[in-house]
Amino acid sequence: MKVLIATEKPFAPVAVEGIKGVIDGAGYELALLEKYTDKQDLLDAVADADAIIVRSDKITAEVIEAAKNLKIVVRAGAGYDNLDLEACSAKDIIAMNTPGQNSNAVAELALGMMVFMARGGFNGKPGTELRKKNLGIHAYGNVGRYVAAIAKGFGMDVYAFDPFVSSDAIEKDGVIPVGSVEELYSKCQYVSLHIPATAETKGSIGYKLLSGMPANGGLINTARKEVINEEELLKVMEDRADFVYISDIAPDCIDTFNARYEGRFFFTPKKMGAQTAEANINSGLAAVNQIVAFLEKGDETFRVNK
């Protein structure tokens, strides 16, 4: 069995060594494609791979077609919109993610962004404190739970909305459940966004929700830029001089932000929610262990396609 690690943005060397150890222990062969810039390199590399581990690399229908031996592809991370699930299913290929492995890294970044926002981007002028402020968590999954735990340490009052999580489960964490997304945004000065990018959620965060936030409201987006309705976000920025937007991925309308809203936004140079040494190692090891579990035992625990 050949396992390909295809990462335009490579794992840390220690993570690759850990993955190699698992692959060697299973008696498989490792192939490594890093920092590639030509799609053809990926198409060539997948030709004889039985399993693939990727990060943000796009596994398209074209890649699936080129991978004649492929049985499983694992996205080392929580989001999996870079995998063509329909193409995988059509070829009876298992697609998986590694939920929870980078959750703490993303949560710590979200809280760091909130501190940055509250203190005016560390500009030397008086800011505000997070203590006793309301924080809304939009989607109470792995990352949302970590955000809640850290925010409670700051003394924030934490609310959450997630139609797929019971109120009892949310309350057990000392978090206040709300009945609608509109209620969440209207109650909370800060909202930390953790919804996936799906057909239902793309463009769903717009003027109605954001304009209804309390004074000095701010949105922290460590999810996907596609869930934001950027035209309506810009309208909120224009209508409300107190509103702030912070994200670990720049919107397509970044030029407008740069030209008109200085001091009211911050975007990291690249998506970096999962960019810690610990998350890098954890997600890589989880991916390879899931591959071995599937190939050896048929374990499909983290399957995301049908």
Protein backbone atom coordinates (compact mmCIF):
# COMPACT_ATOMS: atom_id res chain seq x y z
CA MET A 1 0.00 0.00 0.00
CA LYS A 2 1.30 3.44 -0.90
CA VAL A 3 0.34 6.44 1.22
CA LEU A 4 0.91 9.85 -0.37
CA ILE A 5 1.34 13.02 1.66
CA ALA A 6 0.46 15.79 -0.80
CA THR A 7 0.93 19.15 0.87
CA GLU A 8 1.54 22.39 -0.96
CA LYS A 9 1.87 23.83 2.55
CA PRO A 10 3.96 21.09 4.22
CA PHE A 11 3.59 19.52 7.62
CA ALA A 12 6.34 20.27 10.10
CA PRO A 13 9.26 17.83 9.73
CA VAL A 14 8.49 16.27 13.11
CA ALA A 15 4.93 15.57 11.93
CA VAL A 16 6.20 13.95 8.73
CA GLU A 17 8.54 11.77 10.79
CA GLY A 18 5.64 10.73 13.00
CA ILE A 19 3.49 9.88 9.99
CA LYS A 20 6.36 7.93 8.45
CA GLY A 21 6.74 5.93 11.66
CA VAL A 22 3.09 4.86 11.54
CA ILE A 23 3.32 4.00 7.83
CA ASP A 24 6.52 1.98 8.33
CA GLY A 25 4.97 0.18 11.27
CA ALA A 26 2.02 -0.85 9.10
CA GLY A 27 4.36 -2.08 6.37
CA TYR A 28 3.21 0.52 3.86
CA GLU A 29 5.18 2.75 1.49
CA LEU A 30 5.40 6.53 1.94
CA ALA A 31 5.42 9.01 -0.93
CA LEU A 32 5.96 12.70 -0.23
CA LEU A 33 4.95 15.65 -2.43
CA GLU A 34 5.61 19.01 -0.78
CA LYS A 35 5.57 22.64 -1.90
CA TYR A 36 4.38 21.72 -5.39
CA THR A 37 3.33 24.57 -7.66
CA ASP A 38 2.09 22.70 -10.73
CA LYS A 39 -1.18 20.73 -10.62
CA GLN A 40 0.39 18.17 -12.93
CA ASP A 41 2.81 17.26 -10.15
CA LEU A 42 -0.15 16.30 -7.99
CA LEU A 43 -1.82 14.39 -10.81
CA ASP A 44 1.37 12.41 -11.40
CA ALA A 45 1.89 11.72 -7.70
CA VAL A 46 -1.61 10.32 -7.09
CA ALA A 47 -1.46 7.89 -10.01
CA ASP A 48 -0.47 4.86 -7.91
CA ALA A 49 -1.44 6.03 -4.41
CA ASP A 50 -3.78 3.86 -2.33
CA ALA A 51 -4.28 6.60 0.27
CA ILE A 52 -3.71 10.36 0.35
CA ILE A 53 -3.22 12.81 3.20
CA VAL A 54 -3.75 16.48 2.35
CA ARG A 55 -4.11 19.76 4.20
CA SER A 56 -5.75 22.56 2.19
CA ASP A 57 -4.85 20.91 -1.10
CA LYS A 58 -7.75 20.52 -3.51
CA ILE A 59 -8.75 16.95 -4.33
CA THR A 60 -10.90 17.60 -7.37
CA ALA A 61 -12.70 15.25 -9.74
CA GLU A 62 -9.66 15.49 -12.01
CA VAL A 63 -7.37 14.35 -9.21
CA ILE A 64 -9.75 11.52 -8.30
CA GLU A 65 -9.82 10.38 -11.91
CA ALA A 66 -6.03 10.29 -12.03
CA ALA A 67 -5.78 8.25 -8.80
CA LYS A 68 -6.58 4.80 -10.18
CA ASN A 69 -5.73 2.89 -6.99
CA LEU A 70 -7.13 5.35 -4.47
CA LYS A 71 -9.18 3.94 -1.62
CA ILE A 72 -9.16 6.76 0.94
CA VAL A 73 -8.28 10.45 1.19
CA VAL A 74 -7.99 12.23 4.53
CA ARG A 75 -8.03 15.96 5.03
CA ALA A 76 -5.78 16.70 8.02
CA GLY A 77 -8.06 19.26 9.63
CA ALA A 78 -11.72 19.86 10.35
CA GLY A 79 -13.00 21.59 7.20
CA TYR A 80 -13.19 19.43 4.10
CA ASP A 81 -14.58 21.72 1.41
CA ASN A 82 -11.36 21.15 -0.53
CA LEU A 83 -12.42 17.53 -1.15
CA ASP A 84 -14.83 16.74 -4.00
CA LEU A 85 -17.05 14.40 -2.02
CA GLU A 86 -19.30 13.59 -4.95
CA ALA A 87 -16.34 12.53 -7.07
CA CYS A 88 -14.99 10.42 -4.21
CA SER A 89 -18.33 8.67 -3.72
CA ALA A 90 -18.69 8.01 -7.45
CA LYS A 91 -15.40 6.07 -7.33
CA ASP A 92 -16.17 4.35 -3.97
CA ILE A 93 -13.37 6.31 -2.30
CA ILE A 94 -13.66 7.08 1.41
CA ALA A 95 -13.20 10.74 2.34
CA MET A 96 -12.42 11.71 5.93
CA ASN A 97 -11.41 14.69 8.04
CA THR A 98 -9.69 14.78 11.44
CA PRO A 99 -12.12 16.69 13.68
CA GLY A 100 -10.86 18.12 16.93
CA GLN A 101 -7.14 17.89 16.24
CA ASN A 102 -6.63 21.61 15.63
CA SER A 103 -9.55 22.88 17.71
CA ASN A 104 -7.52 24.37 20.53
CA ALA A 105 -5.20 26.15 18.10
CA VAL A 106 -8.15 27.80 16.35
CA ALA A 107 -9.81 28.69 19.64
CA GLU A 108 -6.69 30.35 21.04
CA LEU A 109 -6.37 32.39 17.85
CA ALA A 110 -10.02 33.49 18.09
CA LEU A 111 -9.53 34.73 21.65
CA GLY A 112 -6.26 36.40 20.69
CA MET A 113 -8.13 38.23 17.95
CA MET A 114 -10.76 39.34 20.44
CA VAL A 115 -8.11 40.79 22.74
CA PHE A 116 -6.51 42.50 19.76
CA MET A 117 -9.89 43.96 18.78
CA ALA A 118 -10.78 45.10 22.30
CA ARG A 119 -7.43 46.85 22.76
CA GLY A 120 -7.57 48.78 19.49
CA GLY A 121 -4.97 46.72 17.70
CA PHE A 122 -2.43 47.52 20.45
CA ASN A 123 -2.25 51.11 19.23
CA GLY A 124 -1.33 52.56 22.61
CA LYS A 125 -4.75 54.11 23.21
CA PRO A 126 -7.29 53.04 25.86
CA GLY A 127 -9.31 50.00 24.90
CA THR A 128 -11.88 47.82 26.61
CA GLU A 129 -11.78 44.55 28.55
CA LEU A 130 -13.37 41.24 27.64
CA ARG A 131 -14.49 40.53 31.20
CA LYS A 132 -18.29 40.73 31.60
CA LYS A 133 -18.80 41.11 27.85
CA ASN A 134 -21.17 38.78 26.00
CA LEU A 135 -19.59 36.32 23.60
CA GLY A 136 -21.73 34.41 21.12
CA ILE A 137 -20.47 31.17 19.64
CA HIS A 138 -22.06 30.41 16.27
CA ALA A 139 -21.77 26.60 15.93
CA TYR A 140 -20.92 24.73 19.10
CA GLY A 141 -18.64 21.99 17.79
CA ASN A 142 -15.10 21.11 18.81
CA VAL A 143 -13.70 24.60 18.23
CA GLY A 144 -16.71 26.30 19.78
CA ARG A 145 -16.30 24.30 22.98
CA TYR A 146 -12.66 25.31 23.31
CA VAL A 147 -13.55 28.95 22.63
CA ALA A 148 -16.19 28.79 25.37
CA ALA A 149 -13.77 27.31 27.90
CA ILE A 150 -11.11 29.93 27.26
CA ALA A 151 -13.62 32.80 27.19
CA LYS A 152 -15.03 31.77 30.54
CA GLY A 153 -11.50 32.07 31.90
CA PHE A 154 -11.58 35.69 30.75
CA GLY A 155 -14.81 36.16 32.72
CA MET A 156 -17.00 36.53 29.64
CA ASP A 157 -20.68 35.58 29.57
CA VAL A 158 -20.86 32.93 26.86
CA TYR A 159 -23.87 32.14 24.66
CA ALA A 160 -24.12 29.56 21.89
CA PHE A 161 -26.37 28.66 19.00
CA ASP A 162 -26.19 25.30 17.26
CA PRO A 163 -29.33 23.52 16.03
CA PHE A 164 -27.46 20.21 16.07
CA VAL A 165 -26.40 20.37 19.74
CA SER A 166 -28.88 19.96 22.58
CA SER A 167 -29.45 22.74 25.08
CA ASP A 168 -28.54 20.32 27.87
CA ALA A 169 -25.13 19.65 26.33
CA ILE A 170 -24.45 23.37 26.00
CA GLU A 171 -25.63 24.15 29.52
CA LYS A 172 -23.43 21.37 30.91
CA ASP A 173 -20.43 23.46 29.83
CA GLY A 174 -21.73 26.53 31.67
CA VAL A 175 -22.76 28.14 28.39
CA ILE A 176 -26.17 29.72 27.74
CA PRO A 177 -28.03 28.24 24.74
CA VAL A 178 -30.19 30.52 22.60
CA GLY A 179 -33.05 29.54 20.35
CA SER A 180 -32.10 31.29 17.14
CA VAL A 181 -29.14 32.72 15.31
CA GLU A 182 -30.83 36.13 15.37
CA GLU A 183 -31.03 36.02 19.16
CA LEU A 184 -27.35 35.10 19.39
CA TYR A 185 -26.18 38.09 17.34
CA SER A 186 -28.57 40.53 19.03
CA LYS A 187 -27.36 39.57 22.52
CA CYS A 188 -23.62 39.45 21.97
CA GLN A 189 -21.06 42.18 21.48
CA TYR A 190 -18.64 39.59 20.13
CA VAL A 191 -19.52 36.64 17.92
CA SER A 192 -17.03 33.90 17.12
CA LEU A 193 -17.99 32.17 13.89
CA HIS A 194 -17.41 28.43 13.39
CA ILE A 195 -19.91 27.25 10.78
CA PRO A 196 -18.69 25.19 7.80
CA ALA A 197 -18.98 26.40 4.22
CA THR A 198 -21.90 24.46 2.75
CA ALA A 199 -24.57 25.20 0.17
CA GLU A 200 -26.81 26.33 3.02
CA THR A 201 -24.29 28.50 4.87
CA LYS A 202 -22.39 30.25 2.08
CA GLY A 203 -23.23 33.95 2.17
CA SER A 204 -25.50 33.47 5.18
CA ILE A 205 -23.76 35.96 7.48
CA GLY A 206 -24.89 39.35 6.29
CA TYR A 207 -26.51 42.67 7.06
CA LYS A 208 -29.51 41.47 9.05
CA LEU A 209 -27.43 39.57 11.61
CA LEU A 210 -24.45 41.93 11.85
CA SER A 211 -26.38 45.18 11.96
CA GLY A 212 -28.41 43.86 14.88
CA MET A 213 -25.39 43.36 17.13
CA PRO A 214 -24.99 45.61 20.19
CA ALA A 215 -22.86 48.77 20.18
CA ASN A 216 -19.16 48.20 19.53
CA GLY A 217 -19.97 44.83 18.03
CA GLY A 218 -17.39 42.67 16.36
CA LEU A 219 -17.29 39.46 14.34
CA ILE A 220 -14.37 37.05 14.61
CA ASN A 221 -14.24 34.65 11.67
CA THR A 222 -11.91 31.65 11.90
CA ALA A 223 -14.24 29.58 9.72
CA ARG A 224 -14.40 30.24 5.96
CA LYS A 225 -14.65 33.51 4.06
CA GLU A 226 -17.35 32.02 1.85
CA VAL A 227 -19.93 32.09 4.68
CA ILE A 228 -19.78 35.90 4.71
CA ASN A 229 -21.96 37.98 2.40
CA GLU A 230 -19.20 40.48 1.64
CA GLU A 231 -21.43 43.09 -0.02
CA GLU A 232 -23.63 43.18 3.07
CA LEU A 233 -20.60 43.13 5.39
CA LEU A 234 -19.33 46.28 3.67
CA LYS A 235 -22.73 47.91 4.15
CA VAL A 236 -22.50 47.19 7.89
CA MET A 237 -18.98 48.65 7.98
CA GLU A 238 -20.29 51.76 6.25
CA ASP A 239 -23.42 52.17 8.36
CA ARG A 240 -21.83 51.40 11.73
CA ALA A 241 -18.58 53.16 12.58
CA ASP A 242 -18.38 51.06 15.77
CA PHE A 243 -18.36 47.67 14.01
CA VAL A 244 -15.15 45.66 13.67
CA TYR A 245 -14.35 42.59 11.57
CA ILE A 246 -11.39 40.29 12.25
CA SER A 247 -10.57 37.10 10.37
CA ASP A 248 -7.73 34.70 9.74
CA ILE A 249 -8.49 34.82 6.04
CA ALA A 250 -8.84 38.02 4.05
CA PRO A 251 -12.12 38.66 2.22
CA ASP A 252 -12.20 39.20 -1.52
CA CYS A 253 -13.09 42.85 -0.85
CA ILE A 254 -9.88 43.51 1.10
CA ASP A 255 -9.02 46.51 -1.08
CA THR A 256 -12.16 48.28 0.12
CA PHE A 257 -11.27 47.55 3.73
CA ASN A 258 -7.78 48.91 3.21
CA ALA A 259 -9.08 52.06 1.53
CA ARG A 260 -11.96 52.90 3.87
CA TYR A 261 -11.89 51.18 7.25
CA GLU A 262 -8.44 51.56 8.72
CA GLY A 263 -8.28 50.52 12.36
CA ARG A 264 -11.57 48.59 12.21
CA PHE A 265 -10.34 45.28 10.80
CA PHE A 266 -7.49 42.83 10.93
CA PHE A 267 -6.72 39.94 8.60
CA THR A 268 -3.82 37.54 9.07
CA PRO A 269 -1.49 37.23 6.06
CA LYS A 270 -2.76 33.67 5.42
CA LYS A 271 -5.24 31.31 7.05
CA MET A 272 -3.53 30.34 10.27
CA GLY A 273 -6.12 28.99 12.70
CA ALA A 274 -4.48 25.58 12.71
CA GLN A 275 -0.94 26.86 12.36
CA THR A 276 0.65 25.63 15.57
CA ALA A 277 3.26 22.94 16.01
CA GLU A 278 0.88 20.93 18.15
CA ALA A 279 -2.03 21.06 15.70
CA ASN A 280 0.29 20.26 12.81
CA ILE A 281 1.49 17.09 14.51
CA ASN A 282 -1.89 16.06 15.91
CA SER A 283 -3.78 16.36 12.62
CA GLY A 284 -1.10 14.56 10.63
CA LEU A 285 -0.91 11.65 13.05
CA ALA A 286 -4.68 11.43 13.26
CA ALA A 287 -4.90 11.29 9.46
CA VAL A 288 -2.41 8.45 9.07
CA ASN A 289 -3.89 6.48 11.97
CA GLN A 290 -7.34 6.79 10.41
CA ILE A 291 -5.93 5.51 7.11
CA VAL A 292 -4.36 2.48 8.78
CA ALA A 293 -7.55 1.80 10.77
CA PHE A 294 -9.59 1.89 7.57
CA LEU A 295 -7.24 -0.22 5.46
CA GLU A 296 -6.71 -2.80 8.22
CA LYS A 297 -10.13 -2.89 9.90
CA GLY A 298 -12.55 -1.06 7.62
CA ASP A 299 -13.00 1.67 10.25
CA GLU A 300 -15.00 4.54 8.70
CA THR A 301 -15.56 6.55 11.89
CA PHE A 302 -14.64 9.94 10.44
CA ARG A 303 -16.08 9.42 6.95
CA VAL A 304 -17.63 12.61 5.51
CA ASN A 305 -19.00 11.34 2.19
CA LYS A 306 -21.76 8.87 1.48
